[in-house]
Amino acid sequence: MAMAIRWLEDNRKILFLTILPILVRNIDFHSANDHFTFCLFKNITGNDCYGCGFLRGLSAFLHLDFRAMIHLNKLNLVTIPLLLFIYCKELNKARN
């Protein structure tokens, strides 16, 4: 039991980085724009901010639905490859 706990403590970053894409993939990216949002800018003004649609776009990317990814937020073309690079870099750092 103590050995298992020690293994979890040593590998918690790898576990987190492995579970995170699974959690994001379960986000429903098909929901309409009139859904509830935590975005303070959208709640106050009613307009989308530059980040609106990013998380659902990331979910669409993980489902390999690139058309939906671009439709949700055009900046996903830049931010998702950058995020993927940072994710792989952190995963590689955690493994070493």
C-alpha atoms as a PDB file:
ATOM      1  CA  MET A   1       0.000   0.000   0.000  1.00  0.00           C
ATOM      2  CA  ALA A   2       2.770   2.426   0.899  1.00  0.00           C
ATOM      3  CA  MET A   3       4.530   1.599  -2.361  1.00  0.00           C
ATOM      4  CA  ALA A   4       1.391   2.446  -4.362  1.00  0.00           C
ATOM      5  CA  ILE A   5       1.017   5.769  -2.567  1.00  0.00           C
ATOM      6  CA  ARG A   6       4.657   6.597  -3.231  1.00  0.00           C
ATOM      7  CA  TRP A   7       4.203   5.752  -6.934  1.00  0.00           C
ATOM      8  CA  LEU A   8       1.148   8.058  -7.110  1.00  0.00           C
ATOM      9  CA  GLU A   9       3.083  10.873  -5.441  1.00  0.00           C
ATOM     10  CA  ASP A  10       6.006  10.460  -7.846  1.00  0.00           C
ATOM     11  CA  ASN A  11       3.800  10.286 -10.945  1.00  0.00           C
ATOM     12  CA  ARG A  12       0.949  12.693 -10.113  1.00  0.00           C
ATOM     13  CA  LYS A  13       1.932  15.142 -12.873  1.00  0.00           C
ATOM     14  CA  ILE A  14       1.937  12.376 -15.482  1.00  0.00           C
ATOM     15  CA  LEU A  15      -1.443  11.157 -14.221  1.00  0.00           C
ATOM     16  CA  PHE A  16      -2.868  14.686 -14.367  1.00  0.00           C
ATOM     17  CA  LEU A  17      -1.531  15.265 -17.886  1.00  0.00           C
ATOM     18  CA  THR A  18      -2.956  11.911 -18.989  1.00  0.00           C
ATOM     19  CA  ILE A  19      -6.414  12.431 -17.497  1.00  0.00           C
ATOM     20  CA  LEU A  20      -6.811  16.061 -18.616  1.00  0.00           C
ATOM     21  CA  PRO A  21      -7.407  15.341 -22.354  1.00  0.00           C
ATOM     22  CA  ILE A  22      -9.957  12.676 -21.434  1.00  0.00           C
ATOM     23  CA  LEU A  23     -11.895  15.195 -19.349  1.00  0.00           C
ATOM     24  CA  VAL A  24     -11.749  17.892 -22.041  1.00  0.00           C
ATOM     25  CA  ARG A  25     -12.848  15.398 -24.717  1.00  0.00           C
ATOM     26  CA  ASN A  26     -16.079  14.815 -22.774  1.00  0.00           C
ATOM     27  CA  ILE A  27     -17.136  18.469 -23.145  1.00  0.00           C
ATOM     28  CA  ASP A  28     -20.112  18.806 -25.493  1.00  0.00           C
ATOM     29  CA  PHE A  29     -18.876  21.055 -28.288  1.00  0.00           C
ATOM     30  CA  HIS A  30     -22.182  20.808 -30.181  1.00  0.00           C
ATOM     31  CA  SER A  31     -24.010  23.052 -27.720  1.00  0.00           C
ATOM     32  CA  ALA A  32     -25.362  26.319 -29.118  1.00  0.00           C
ATOM     33  CA  ASN A  33     -24.005  29.757 -28.270  1.00  0.00           C
ATOM     34  CA  ASP A  34     -27.018  30.547 -26.059  1.00  0.00           C
ATOM     35  CA  HIS A  35     -25.860  28.074 -23.399  1.00  0.00           C
ATOM     36  CA  PHE A  36     -24.878  29.118 -19.864  1.00  0.00           C
ATOM     37  CA  THR A  37     -21.395  30.563 -19.706  1.00  0.00           C
ATOM     38  CA  PHE A  38     -18.974  31.553 -16.956  1.00  0.00           C
ATOM     39  CA  CYS A  39     -17.492  34.248 -19.210  1.00  0.00           C
ATOM     40  CA  LEU A  40     -17.917  37.531 -17.323  1.00  0.00           C
ATOM     41  CA  PHE A  41     -17.455  39.595 -20.494  1.00  0.00           C
ATOM     42  CA  LYS A  42     -20.230  37.722 -22.322  1.00  0.00           C
ATOM     43  CA  ASN A  43     -22.554  37.828 -19.303  1.00  0.00           C
ATOM     44  CA  ILE A  44     -22.182  41.620 -19.005  1.00  0.00           C
ATOM     45  CA  THR A  45     -22.058  42.695 -22.661  1.00  0.00           C
ATOM     46  CA  GLY A  46     -23.742  39.784 -24.452  1.00  0.00           C
ATOM     47  CA  ASN A  47     -20.836  39.666 -26.935  1.00  0.00           C
ATOM     48  CA  ASP A  48     -18.246  36.933 -27.329  1.00  0.00           C
ATOM     49  CA  CYS A  49     -14.759  37.617 -26.001  1.00  0.00           C
ATOM     50  CA  TYR A  50     -11.615  36.396 -27.768  1.00  0.00           C
ATOM     51  CA  GLY A  51     -11.576  33.266 -25.621  1.00  0.00           C
ATOM     52  CA  CYS A  52     -15.205  32.261 -26.108  1.00  0.00           C
ATOM     53  CA  GLY A  53     -15.394  28.888 -27.798  1.00  0.00           C
ATOM     54  CA  PHE A  54     -11.825  27.894 -26.980  1.00  0.00           C
ATOM     55  CA  LEU A  55     -12.600  25.003 -24.621  1.00  0.00           C
ATOM     56  CA  ARG A  56     -15.356  23.636 -26.847  1.00  0.00           C
ATOM     57  CA  GLY A  57     -12.968  24.093 -29.803  1.00  0.00           C
ATOM     58  CA  LEU A  58     -10.350  22.086 -27.939  1.00  0.00           C
ATOM     59  CA  SER A  59     -12.941  19.362 -27.394  1.00  0.00           C
ATOM     60  CA  ALA A  60     -13.799  19.447 -31.113  1.00  0.00           C
ATOM     61  CA  PHE A  61     -10.078  19.128 -31.903  1.00  0.00           C
ATOM     62  CA  LEU A  62      -9.833  16.041 -29.685  1.00  0.00           C
ATOM     63  CA  HIS A  63     -12.839  14.614 -31.559  1.00  0.00           C
ATOM     64  CA  LEU A  64     -10.988  15.419 -34.834  1.00  0.00           C
ATOM     65  CA  ASP A  65     -13.799  17.757 -35.937  1.00  0.00           C
ATOM     66  CA  PHE A  66     -11.624  20.528 -37.341  1.00  0.00           C
ATOM     67  CA  ARG A  67     -14.490  22.361 -39.058  1.00  0.00           C
ATOM     68  CA  ALA A  68     -16.274  22.779 -35.706  1.00  0.00           C
ATOM     69  CA  MET A  69     -12.993  23.793 -34.051  1.00  0.00           C
ATOM     70  CA  ILE A  70     -12.548  26.669 -36.512  1.00  0.00           C
ATOM     71  CA  HIS A  71     -16.228  27.606 -36.409  1.00  0.00           C
ATOM     72  CA  LEU A  72     -16.235  27.911 -32.601  1.00  0.00           C
ATOM     73  CA  ASN A  73     -13.261  30.281 -32.499  1.00  0.00           C
ATOM     74  CA  LYS A  74     -10.983  31.239 -35.388  1.00  0.00           C
ATOM     75  CA  LEU A  75      -8.081  31.814 -32.970  1.00  0.00           C
ATOM     76  CA  ASN A  76      -8.099  28.057 -32.263  1.00  0.00           C
ATOM     77  CA  LEU A  77      -5.951  27.701 -35.397  1.00  0.00           C
ATOM     78  CA  VAL A  78      -3.145  29.403 -33.464  1.00  0.00           C
ATOM     79  CA  THR A  79      -3.845  28.585 -29.830  1.00  0.00           C
ATOM     80  CA  ILE A  80      -4.478  24.835 -30.058  1.00  0.00           C
ATOM     81  CA  PRO A  81      -1.195  23.951 -31.859  1.00  0.00           C
ATOM     82  CA  LEU A  82       0.648  26.156 -29.362  1.00  0.00           C
ATOM     83  CA  LEU A  83      -1.132  24.486 -26.451  1.00  0.00           C
ATOM     84  CA  LEU A  84      -0.381  21.057 -27.945  1.00  0.00           C
ATOM     85  CA  PHE A  85       3.317  21.953 -28.146  1.00  0.00           C
ATOM     86  CA  ILE A  86       3.359  23.101 -24.504  1.00  0.00           C
ATOM     87  CA  TYR A  87       1.418  19.989 -23.437  1.00  0.00           C
ATOM     88  CA  CYS A  88       3.892  17.623 -25.148  1.00  0.00           C
ATOM     89  CA  LYS A  89       6.823  19.545 -23.697  1.00  0.00           C
ATOM     90  CA  GLU A  90       5.412  19.281 -20.148  1.00  0.00           C
ATOM     91  CA  LEU A  91       4.558  15.603 -20.604  1.00  0.00           C
ATOM     92  CA  ASN A  92       8.101  14.885 -21.793  1.00  0.00           C
ATOM     93  CA  LYS A  93       9.523  16.856 -18.848  1.00  0.00           C
ATOM     94  CA  ALA A  94       7.330  14.907 -16.401  1.00  0.00           C
ATOM     95  CA  ARG A  95       8.482  11.574 -17.826  1.00  0.00           C
ATOM     96  CA  ASN A  96      12.154  12.422 -17.309  1.00  0.00           C
END
